[in-house]
N, C-alpha and C. Protein backbone atom coordinates (compact mmCIF):
# COMPACT_ATOMS: atom_id res chain seq x y z
N MET A 1 116.46 62.32 124.89
CA MET A 1 115.61 62.75 123.78
C MET A 1 114.22 63.44 125.15
N GLN A 2 113.68 64.42 124.41
CA GLN A 2 112.68 64.85 124.94
C GLN A 2 111.48 63.97 124.48
N ARG A 3 110.33 64.25 125.90
CA ARG A 3 109.12 63.42 125.89
C ARG A 3 108.06 64.54 125.34
N ARG A 4 107.29 64.07 123.98
CA ARG A 4 106.57 64.66 123.65
C ARG A 4 105.40 63.65 122.93
N ARG A 5 104.06 63.97 122.94
CA ARG A 5 102.69 63.33 122.38
C ARG A 5 102.16 64.19 121.76
N GLY A 6 101.03 63.31 121.10
CA GLY A 6 99.91 63.83 120.50
C GLY A 6 101.06 64.86 119.43
N LYS A 7 99.65 66.55 119.37
CA LYS A 7 100.01 67.34 118.72
C LYS A 7 101.45 68.03 118.37
N ASP A 8 101.83 68.20 119.70
CA ASP A 8 103.26 68.59 119.69
C ASP A 8 104.32 67.86 118.98
N LEU A 9 104.19 66.12 119.15
CA LEU A 9 105.43 65.57 118.96
C LEU A 9 105.33 65.30 117.13
N GLU A 10 103.89 65.43 116.35
CA GLU A 10 103.84 65.46 115.21
C GLU A 10 104.00 66.68 114.69
N GLU A 11 104.08 68.08 115.36
CA GLU A 11 104.38 69.43 114.99
C GLU A 11 105.99 69.19 114.50
N ALA A 12 106.79 68.97 115.98
CA ALA A 12 107.97 68.51 115.93
C ALA A 12 108.70 67.43 114.77
N LEU A 13 108.13 66.66 114.52
CA LEU A 13 108.54 65.89 113.18
C LEU A 13 108.03 66.17 111.85
N LEU A 14 106.86 66.62 111.79
CA LEU A 14 106.67 67.29 110.50
C LEU A 14 107.71 68.71 110.36
N GLY A 15 108.03 69.19 111.60
CA GLY A 15 108.84 70.42 111.53
C GLY A 15 110.25 69.92 110.85
N ALA A 16 110.65 68.92 111.39
CA ALA A 16 112.16 68.46 111.21
C ALA A 16 112.09 68.14 109.51
N ALA A 17 111.11 67.45 109.15
CA ALA A 17 111.04 66.46 108.41
C ALA A 17 111.05 67.76 106.92
N TRP A 18 109.92 68.53 107.23
CA TRP A 18 110.38 69.75 106.46
C TRP A 18 112.04 69.92 106.02
N ALA A 19 112.50 70.33 107.15
CA ALA A 19 113.88 71.07 107.30
C ALA A 19 114.83 70.02 106.76
N GLU A 20 114.78 68.89 107.06
CA GLU A 20 115.48 67.81 106.25
C GLU A 20 115.11 68.02 104.55
N LEU A 21 113.77 68.10 104.70
CA LEU A 21 113.63 67.79 102.72
C LEU A 21 114.15 69.26 102.14
N THR A 22 114.23 70.39 102.63
CA THR A 22 114.31 71.30 102.21
C THR A 22 115.77 71.55 102.16
N GLU A 23 116.79 71.03 103.13
CA GLU A 23 118.02 71.24 102.84
C GLU A 23 119.07 70.12 102.03
N ARG A 24 118.16 68.63 101.91
CA ARG A 24 118.98 67.44 101.51
C ARG A 24 117.87 66.97 100.54
N GLY A 25 116.81 67.47 100.03
CA GLY A 25 116.16 67.23 99.09
C GLY A 25 115.53 65.56 99.40
N TYR A 26 114.84 64.69 98.45
CA TYR A 26 113.99 63.80 98.62
C TYR A 26 115.42 62.53 98.83
N ALA A 27 116.18 62.44 97.75
CA ALA A 27 117.23 61.73 98.18
C ALA A 27 118.19 61.63 98.74
N GLY A 28 118.42 62.53 99.75
CA GLY A 28 119.22 62.42 100.95
C GLY A 28 118.29 62.53 101.98
N PHE A 29 116.68 62.23 102.44
CA PHE A 29 116.27 62.46 103.21
C PHE A 29 115.95 61.04 103.81
N THR A 30 116.03 61.11 105.27
CA THR A 30 116.29 59.76 105.52
C THR A 30 115.28 60.03 107.60
N LEU A 31 114.53 59.03 107.69
CA LEU A 31 114.02 59.03 109.09
C LEU A 31 114.74 59.08 109.90
N GLU A 32 116.02 58.35 109.85
CA GLU A 32 117.05 58.30 111.24
C GLU A 32 117.32 60.12 111.21
N ALA A 33 117.54 61.04 110.33
CA ALA A 33 117.78 61.93 110.45
C ALA A 33 116.56 63.20 110.82
N VAL A 34 115.53 62.54 110.46
CA VAL A 34 114.05 63.15 111.13
C VAL A 34 114.19 63.11 112.50
N ALA A 35 114.26 62.00 112.87
CA ALA A 35 114.49 61.65 114.36
C ALA A 35 115.08 62.34 115.18
N LYS A 36 116.43 62.19 114.46
CA LYS A 36 117.43 63.01 115.37
C LYS A 36 117.43 64.52 115.50
N ARG A 37 116.95 65.24 114.00
CA ARG A 37 116.58 66.46 114.40
C ARG A 37 115.24 66.86 115.41
N ALA A 38 114.44 66.21 115.41
CA ALA A 38 113.28 66.25 116.26
C ALA A 38 113.25 65.78 117.50
N GLY A 39 114.44 64.99 117.72
CA GLY A 39 115.23 64.76 119.23
C GLY A 39 113.91 63.43 119.71
N THR A 40 113.97 62.35 118.50
CA THR A 40 112.86 61.33 119.08
C THR A 40 113.80 60.26 118.19
N SER A 41 113.00 59.22 118.37
CA SER A 41 113.73 57.65 117.82
C SER A 41 112.87 57.43 116.60
N THR A 42 113.62 56.77 115.32
CA THR A 42 112.57 56.13 114.37
C THR A 42 111.59 55.36 114.48
N PRO A 43 111.45 54.61 115.50
CA PRO A 43 110.31 53.84 115.77
C PRO A 43 109.27 54.80 116.09
N VAL A 44 109.33 55.86 116.58
CA VAL A 44 108.20 57.08 116.60
C VAL A 44 107.79 57.67 115.29
N ILE A 45 108.49 57.53 114.61
CA ILE A 45 108.04 57.98 113.26
C ILE A 45 107.02 56.80 112.39
N TYR A 46 107.88 55.27 112.66
CA TYR A 46 107.58 54.40 111.80
C TYR A 46 105.98 54.22 112.49
N ARG A 47 105.37 54.36 113.70
CA ARG A 47 104.20 54.35 113.93
C ARG A 47 103.09 55.41 113.50
N ARG A 48 103.56 56.36 112.84
CA ARG A 48 102.77 57.16 112.12
C ARG A 48 102.98 57.27 110.39
N TRP A 49 103.91 57.06 110.22
CA TRP A 49 104.24 56.72 108.34
C TRP A 49 105.11 55.69 108.43
N ALA A 50 104.57 55.08 107.49
CA ALA A 50 105.32 53.66 107.24
C ALA A 50 106.53 53.60 106.53
N ASN A 51 106.69 54.91 105.66
CA ASN A 51 107.76 55.06 104.85
C ASN A 51 108.34 56.52 104.58
N LYS A 52 109.14 56.52 103.84
CA LYS A 52 109.74 57.91 103.95
C LYS A 52 108.68 58.72 102.88
N ALA A 53 108.63 58.14 101.78
CA ALA A 53 107.47 58.92 100.74
C ALA A 53 106.23 59.07 101.56
N LEU A 54 106.06 58.49 102.58
CA LEU A 54 104.60 58.83 103.14
C LEU A 54 104.81 60.00 104.16
N MET A 55 106.19 60.30 104.92
CA MET A 55 106.57 61.28 105.30
C MET A 55 106.52 62.72 105.25
N VAL A 56 107.37 62.08 103.82
CA VAL A 56 107.61 63.65 103.05
C VAL A 56 106.16 64.42 102.36
N GLU A 57 105.41 63.44 102.11
CA GLU A 57 103.81 63.80 101.61
C GLU A 57 103.16 64.64 102.77
N ALA A 58 103.22 63.90 103.78
CA ALA A 58 102.49 64.54 105.13
C ALA A 58 103.34 65.95 105.61
N ALA A 59 104.96 66.06 105.37
CA ALA A 59 105.41 67.11 105.94
C ALA A 59 105.13 68.39 104.62
N LEU A 60 104.93 67.63 103.13
CA LEU A 60 104.59 68.82 102.63
C LEU A 60 103.07 69.07 102.65
N LEU A 61 102.30 68.14 103.05
CA LEU A 61 100.90 68.82 103.27
C LEU A 61 100.43 69.88 104.43
N HIS A 62 101.46 69.63 105.35
CA HIS A 62 101.55 70.27 106.66
C HIS A 62 102.25 71.70 106.48
N GLU A 63 102.93 71.89 105.79
CA GLU A 63 103.98 72.74 105.41
C GLU A 63 102.76 73.37 104.40
N SER A 64 102.51 73.05 103.57
CA SER A 64 101.43 73.93 102.47
C SER A 64 100.28 74.71 103.35
N SER A 65 99.72 73.55 104.72
CA SER A 65 98.77 73.99 105.31
C SER A 65 99.07 75.34 106.53
N THR A 66 100.17 75.58 106.48
CA THR A 66 100.64 76.62 107.31
C THR A 66 100.78 77.82 106.66
N ARG A 67 100.59 77.67 105.21
CA ARG A 67 100.67 79.14 104.45
C ARG A 67 99.99 79.06 103.43
N VAL A 68 98.44 78.65 103.76
CA VAL A 68 97.35 79.50 102.93
C VAL A 68 97.31 80.79 102.66
N VAL A 69 97.30 81.21 101.70
CA VAL A 69 97.01 82.53 101.37
C VAL A 69 95.28 82.86 100.77
N ASP A 70 94.92 83.51 102.04
CA ASP A 70 93.26 84.22 101.48
C ASP A 70 93.37 84.47 99.89
N VAL A 71 92.52 84.16 99.45
CA VAL A 71 92.20 84.33 98.10
C VAL A 71 91.89 86.27 98.07
N PRO A 72 92.74 87.19 97.47
CA PRO A 72 92.02 88.52 97.44
C PRO A 72 90.64 88.76 96.78
N ASP A 73 89.90 89.83 97.44
CA ASP A 73 88.95 90.38 96.48
C ASP A 73 89.31 91.63 96.60
N THR A 74 89.89 92.45 95.26
CA THR A 74 89.94 93.73 95.05
C THR A 74 89.05 94.10 94.53
N GLY A 75 87.94 93.41 94.09
CA GLY A 75 87.05 93.94 93.14
C GLY A 75 86.91 93.77 91.80
N THR A 76 88.05 93.66 90.95
CA THR A 76 88.36 93.09 89.80
C THR A 76 89.22 92.12 89.27
N LEU A 77 89.24 91.47 88.69
CA LEU A 77 90.09 90.16 88.07
C LEU A 77 91.29 90.65 87.82
N ARG A 78 92.12 91.56 87.22
CA ARG A 78 93.38 92.16 87.31
C ARG A 78 93.49 91.92 88.81
N GLY A 79 92.96 92.90 89.68
CA GLY A 79 93.46 93.01 90.98
C GLY A 79 93.57 91.67 91.33
N ASP A 80 92.50 91.09 91.49
CA ASP A 80 92.86 89.46 91.93
C ASP A 80 93.68 88.82 91.57
N LEU A 81 94.13 88.97 90.18
CA LEU A 81 95.28 87.55 89.74
C LEU A 81 96.37 88.52 90.27
N VAL A 82 96.21 90.15 90.16
CA VAL A 82 98.05 90.23 90.48
C VAL A 82 98.20 90.15 92.08
N ALA A 83 97.07 90.38 92.80
CA ALA A 83 97.31 90.58 94.53
C ALA A 83 97.61 88.85 94.79
N MET A 84 96.79 88.07 94.07
CA MET A 84 97.15 86.20 94.57
C MET A 84 98.68 86.13 94.18
N MET A 85 99.19 86.26 93.06
CA MET A 85 100.61 86.14 92.51
C MET A 85 101.72 86.90 93.76
N GLN A 86 101.21 87.87 93.73
CA GLN A 86 102.23 88.78 94.69
C GLN A 86 102.25 88.41 96.09
N ALA A 87 101.00 87.55 96.76
CA ALA A 87 101.01 87.18 97.94
C ALA A 87 101.70 85.35 98.12
N ALA A 88 101.55 84.70 96.90
CA ALA A 88 102.26 83.91 96.52
C ALA A 88 103.83 83.77 96.72
N ASN A 89 104.10 84.73 96.19
CA ASN A 89 105.42 85.41 96.09
C ASN A 89 106.02 85.26 97.58
N ARG A 90 105.06 85.70 98.28
CA ARG A 90 105.59 86.31 99.29
C ARG A 90 105.46 84.66 100.66
N SER A 91 104.75 83.87 100.03
CA SER A 91 104.64 82.89 101.23
C SER A 91 104.65 81.22 100.57
N ARG A 92 104.82 81.37 99.08
CA ARG A 92 104.26 79.75 98.58
C ARG A 92 105.62 79.73 98.22
N ILE A 93 106.72 80.06 97.34
CA ILE A 93 107.34 79.99 96.31
C ILE A 93 108.48 79.00 96.95
N ASP A 94 109.06 78.72 97.95
CA ASP A 94 109.61 77.52 98.44
C ASP A 94 109.26 76.47 98.51
N LEU A 95 107.76 76.45 98.03
CA LEU A 95 106.93 74.92 98.22
C LEU A 95 107.11 74.57 96.62
N LEU A 96 106.93 75.30 96.22
CA LEU A 96 106.94 75.35 94.46
C LEU A 96 108.20 74.65 94.20
N VAL A 97 109.26 75.17 94.64
CA VAL A 97 110.66 75.09 94.35
C VAL A 97 110.91 73.37 94.74
N VAL A 98 110.62 73.28 96.08
CA VAL A 98 110.79 71.76 96.70
C VAL A 98 110.29 70.78 95.75
N THR A 99 108.69 71.08 95.31
CA THR A 99 108.19 70.17 94.54
C THR A 99 108.56 69.85 93.45
N ALA A 100 109.35 71.09 92.92
CA ALA A 100 109.74 70.71 91.39
C ALA A 100 111.39 70.20 91.49
N VAL A 101 111.91 70.43 92.39
CA VAL A 101 113.46 70.44 91.97
C VAL A 101 113.77 69.43 92.83
N LEU A 102 113.25 69.31 94.24
CA LEU A 102 113.84 68.34 95.07
C LEU A 102 113.25 66.75 95.03
N LEU A 103 112.11 66.75 94.69
CA LEU A 103 111.30 65.61 94.91
C LEU A 103 111.40 64.55 93.79
N ASP A 104 112.20 65.17 92.64
CA ASP A 104 112.01 63.98 91.42
C ASP A 104 112.35 62.64 91.63
N ASP A 105 112.92 62.19 92.88
CA ASP A 105 113.02 61.22 93.28
C ASP A 105 111.95 60.51 94.01
N TYR A 106 111.05 61.33 94.55
CA TYR A 106 109.75 60.89 94.98
C TYR A 106 108.65 60.47 94.37
N PHE A 107 109.09 61.42 93.25
CA PHE A 107 107.98 61.11 91.88
C PHE A 107 108.14 59.72 91.19
N ALA A 108 109.44 59.45 91.17
CA ALA A 108 109.82 58.48 90.52
C ALA A 108 109.53 56.95 91.40
N ASP A 109 109.90 57.28 92.89
CA ASP A 109 109.33 55.99 93.40
C ASP A 109 108.13 55.97 93.88
N ARG A 110 107.30 57.05 93.63
CA ARG A 110 105.87 56.80 94.00
C ARG A 110 105.20 56.58 92.50
N GLY A 111 105.60 56.90 91.38
CA GLY A 111 104.86 56.50 90.51
C GLY A 111 103.77 57.54 89.94
N SER A 112 104.79 58.89 90.43
CA SER A 112 103.22 60.08 90.61
C SER A 112 104.23 61.16 89.87
N ASN A 113 103.46 62.59 90.16
CA ASN A 113 104.17 63.38 89.07
C ASN A 113 103.11 65.07 89.90
N PRO A 114 104.22 66.20 89.76
CA PRO A 114 103.76 67.28 90.60
C PRO A 114 102.28 67.56 90.93
N GLU A 115 101.56 67.25 89.88
CA GLU A 115 100.33 67.29 89.40
C GLU A 115 99.23 66.54 90.19
N GLN A 116 99.78 65.33 90.35
CA GLN A 116 99.13 64.89 91.32
C GLN A 116 99.12 64.72 93.00
N LEU A 117 100.38 65.42 93.01
CA LEU A 117 100.88 66.32 94.39
C LEU A 117 100.13 67.43 94.70
N ARG A 118 99.78 67.95 93.70
CA ARG A 118 98.96 69.37 93.84
C ARG A 118 97.52 68.93 94.34
N ALA A 119 97.03 67.82 93.19
CA ALA A 119 95.58 67.73 94.06
C ALA A 119 95.80 67.01 95.19
N GLN A 120 96.43 66.43 95.90
CA GLN A 120 96.47 65.96 96.88
C GLN A 120 96.61 67.09 97.86
N VAL A 121 97.41 68.32 97.94
CA VAL A 121 97.36 69.06 98.46
C VAL A 121 96.42 70.11 98.41
N LEU A 122 95.51 70.05 97.24
CA LEU A 122 94.50 70.74 97.44
C LEU A 122 93.26 69.92 98.27
N ALA A 123 93.39 68.85 97.95
CA ALA A 123 91.86 68.12 98.84
C ALA A 123 90.78 68.31 98.42
N GLY A 124 90.68 68.50 97.31
CA GLY A 124 89.22 68.87 96.77
C GLY A 124 88.53 70.13 97.11
N ARG A 125 89.16 71.20 97.44
CA ARG A 125 89.09 72.64 97.62
C ARG A 125 89.69 72.99 96.08
N SER A 126 88.52 74.22 95.90
CA SER A 126 88.61 74.81 94.53
C SER A 126 90.04 75.67 94.47
N SER A 127 91.07 75.81 93.61
CA SER A 127 92.09 76.38 93.35
C SER A 127 91.60 77.96 93.68
N ALA A 128 92.43 78.97 93.95
CA ALA A 128 92.60 80.43 93.85
C ALA A 128 92.01 80.74 92.57
N ALA A 129 92.58 79.83 91.38
CA ALA A 129 92.10 80.81 90.40
C ALA A 129 90.88 80.02 90.08
N GLU A 130 90.52 79.21 90.44
CA GLU A 130 88.59 79.14 90.05
C GLU A 130 88.11 79.82 91.24
N VAL A 131 88.47 79.86 92.29
CA VAL A 131 88.33 81.64 93.17
C VAL A 131 87.65 82.49 92.05
N ILE A 132 89.25 83.08 91.65
CA ILE A 132 89.12 84.40 91.39
C ILE A 132 88.13 84.62 89.74
N VAL A 133 87.86 83.71 89.20
CA VAL A 133 87.73 83.63 88.21
C VAL A 133 86.24 83.78 88.27
N ALA A 134 85.44 82.87 88.88
CA ALA A 134 84.26 82.56 89.34
C ALA A 134 83.61 83.95 90.04
N ARG A 135 84.27 84.55 90.58
CA ARG A 135 84.11 86.34 91.17
C ARG A 135 84.17 87.19 90.08
N ALA A 136 85.02 86.77 89.09
CA ALA A 136 84.66 87.71 87.64
C ALA A 136 83.87 87.37 86.68
N VAL A 137 83.20 85.89 86.56
CA VAL A 137 82.07 85.93 86.50
C VAL A 137 80.71 86.46 86.94
N ASP A 138 80.84 86.40 88.01
CA ASP A 138 79.53 87.01 88.84
C ASP A 138 79.59 88.68 88.90
N ARG A 139 81.08 88.97 88.75
CA ARG A 139 80.88 90.67 88.52
C ARG A 139 80.31 91.07 86.91
N GLY A 140 80.37 90.04 86.20
CA GLY A 140 80.13 90.19 84.93
C GLY A 140 81.37 90.48 83.69
N GLU A 141 83.04 90.65 84.40
CA GLU A 141 83.82 90.99 84.01
C GLU A 141 83.89 89.23 82.88
N ILE A 142 83.30 88.63 83.34
CA ILE A 142 84.31 87.23 82.32
C ILE A 142 82.53 86.67 81.90
N GLU A 143 82.88 86.44 80.80
CA GLU A 143 81.19 85.24 80.28
C GLU A 143 81.95 83.85 80.54
N ALA A 144 80.98 82.95 81.33
CA ALA A 144 80.96 81.90 81.69
C ALA A 144 81.21 81.08 80.39
N ALA A 145 80.51 81.28 79.63
CA ALA A 145 80.56 80.15 78.43
C ALA A 145 81.86 80.13 77.47
N THR A 146 82.68 81.56 77.43
CA THR A 146 84.11 81.03 77.04
C THR A 146 84.95 80.45 78.32
N LEU A 147 84.77 79.93 79.18
CA LEU A 147 85.71 79.51 79.75
C LEU A 147 86.07 78.39 79.82
N LYS A 148 87.51 77.54 79.72
CA LYS A 148 87.52 76.68 79.49
C LYS A 148 88.59 76.12 80.93
N PRO A 149 88.90 75.12 81.65
CA PRO A 149 89.72 74.94 82.55
C PRO A 149 91.30 75.37 82.38
N HIS A 150 91.71 75.06 80.98
CA HIS A 150 93.09 75.61 81.12
C HIS A 150 93.25 77.22 80.87
N LEU A 151 92.32 77.71 80.79
CA LEU A 151 92.30 79.29 80.70
C LEU A 151 92.20 79.88 81.73
N ILE A 152 91.26 79.01 82.50
CA ILE A 152 91.19 79.31 84.17
C ILE A 152 92.69 79.16 84.83
N SER A 153 93.46 78.08 84.25
CA SER A 153 94.69 77.68 85.47
C SER A 153 95.68 78.70 84.78
N LEU A 154 95.40 79.07 84.01
CA LEU A 154 96.81 79.51 82.85
C LEU A 154 97.63 80.61 83.73
N PRO A 155 96.81 81.70 84.52
CA PRO A 155 97.88 82.76 84.80
C PRO A 155 98.60 81.93 86.10
N PHE A 156 98.13 81.08 86.61
CA PHE A 156 99.10 80.40 87.84
C PHE A 156 99.90 79.43 86.93
N ASP A 157 99.68 78.65 85.75
CA ASP A 157 100.47 77.86 85.15
C ASP A 157 101.50 78.31 84.73
N LEU A 158 101.72 79.83 84.47
CA LEU A 158 102.57 80.40 83.69
C LEU A 158 103.11 80.89 85.03
N PHE A 159 102.45 81.64 86.05
CA PHE A 159 103.52 81.95 87.16
C PHE A 159 104.09 80.71 87.69
N ARG A 160 103.88 79.39 87.36
CA ARG A 160 104.60 78.59 88.48
C ARG A 160 105.80 78.18 87.26
N HIS A 161 105.66 78.57 86.02
CA HIS A 161 106.52 78.22 85.09
C HIS A 161 107.69 79.38 85.15
N GLU A 162 107.52 80.72 85.45
CA GLU A 162 108.81 81.81 85.47
C GLU A 162 109.53 81.31 87.14
N VAL A 163 108.64 80.93 88.21
CA VAL A 163 109.50 80.18 89.47
C VAL A 163 110.53 79.50 88.87
N LEU A 164 109.99 77.80 88.11
CA LEU A 164 110.79 76.92 88.23
C LEU A 164 111.85 77.08 87.20
N MET A 165 111.75 78.47 86.42
CA MET A 165 112.85 78.70 85.01
C MET A 165 113.87 79.45 86.15
N THR A 166 113.47 80.30 87.38
CA THR A 166 114.16 80.96 87.73
C THR A 166 114.61 80.89 88.92
N LEU A 167 113.93 79.89 90.21
CA LEU A 167 113.77 79.12 91.21
C LEU A 167 113.56 80.73 92.38
N LYS A 168 113.20 81.80 91.88
CA LYS A 168 113.02 82.35 92.92
C LYS A 168 111.60 83.42 92.71
N PRO A 169 111.43 84.08 93.50
CA PRO A 169 110.11 85.16 93.49
C PRO A 169 109.81 85.43 92.03
N VAL A 170 108.65 86.06 91.22
CA VAL A 170 108.36 86.27 90.19
C VAL A 170 108.20 87.94 90.31
N SER A 171 108.83 88.64 89.39
CA SER A 171 108.99 89.89 89.60
C SER A 171 107.87 90.41 89.22
N ASN A 172 107.30 91.96 89.90
CA ASN A 172 106.03 92.74 89.34
C ASN A 172 106.39 92.49 88.06
N THR A 173 107.24 93.06 87.50
CA THR A 173 106.93 93.13 85.75
C THR A 173 106.49 91.79 85.06
N ALA A 174 107.00 90.64 85.64
CA ALA A 174 106.76 89.28 85.05
C ALA A 174 104.93 89.54 85.30
N ILE A 175 104.75 89.41 86.48
CA ILE A 175 103.30 89.38 86.93
C ILE A 175 102.49 90.15 86.09
N GLU A 176 102.82 91.39 85.91
CA GLU A 176 102.22 92.66 85.24
C GLU A 176 101.70 91.90 83.84
N ARG A 177 103.04 91.13 82.86
CA ARG A 177 102.96 90.80 81.76
C ARG A 177 102.16 89.81 81.60
N ILE A 178 102.24 88.89 82.51
CA ILE A 178 101.44 87.20 82.76
C ILE A 178 99.55 88.06 83.00
N VAL A 179 99.18 88.78 83.48
CA VAL A 179 98.27 88.99 83.90
C VAL A 179 97.35 90.14 82.43
N ASP A 180 98.36 90.96 82.14
CA ASP A 180 97.75 92.02 81.46
C ASP A 180 98.22 91.60 79.81
N ASP A 181 99.12 90.95 79.59
CA ASP A 181 99.44 90.68 78.05
C ASP A 181 99.02 89.54 77.60
N ILE A 182 98.66 88.41 78.53
CA ILE A 182 98.10 87.24 78.17
C ILE A 182 97.08 87.18 78.71
N THR A 183 96.73 86.86 80.48
CA THR A 183 95.62 86.34 80.94
C THR A 183 94.25 87.26 80.72
N MET A 184 94.39 88.81 80.96
CA MET A 184 93.22 89.36 80.61
C MET A 184 92.59 89.43 79.10
N PRO A 185 93.57 89.49 78.06
CA PRO A 185 92.89 89.36 76.61
C PRO A 185 92.36 87.85 76.76
N LEU A 186 92.68 86.93 76.91
CA LEU A 186 91.93 85.56 77.08
C LEU A 186 90.80 85.42 77.77
N LEU A 187 91.27 85.88 78.66
CA LEU A 187 89.96 85.77 79.79
C LEU A 187 88.66 86.85 79.59
N THR A 188 88.79 87.94 78.90
CA THR A 188 87.85 88.79 79.06
C THR A 188 87.14 88.87 77.26
N ARG A 189 87.97 88.10 76.17
CA ARG A 189 87.47 88.59 75.30
C ARG A 189 85.97 88.07 74.91
N ARG A 190 85.10 88.41 74.14
CA ARG A 190 83.77 88.37 74.01
C ARG A 190 83.32 87.75 72.93
N ASP A 191 83.24 86.14 72.36
CA ASP A 191 83.11 85.65 71.45
C ASP A 191 81.96 86.25 70.70
């Protein structure tokens, strides 16, 4: 076994955990397999994570943190929404698929759900949708008084729905339909 410490060891463990999770899902995920893949022993893992659920959470949070997408600022609400969805297509689709498809047993074990896990990943940060909409309000494209939380999250809720239905990136045509046919009319309406 390779002797590593600190950040190097943690990176190796979390990378091995992510690989195991994406290959085997939560049901087939074992700390022993992670240790073997990382070239270490299970006691090393147990010193950091008390059980497989906590290690899976750590691996997901770590993987998510390595794929942070800067919120685009194209100068328009439409441009920002389209650019953000295209960026998510390039870097975050597998995170969404893993969360939705491979973590079913995790949610059952933890008495949790994808929404709670998403809140953990965001860890108090504003979502991309909130940032994009706030900029649009500042530019005068949207009236703040018409905004409701479900309207703010709507474009990305629809994007996630498309991913979950197809288990692949969302087409540019579908992105444009989400933005042009649904989101823009709802967010920019003047009551």
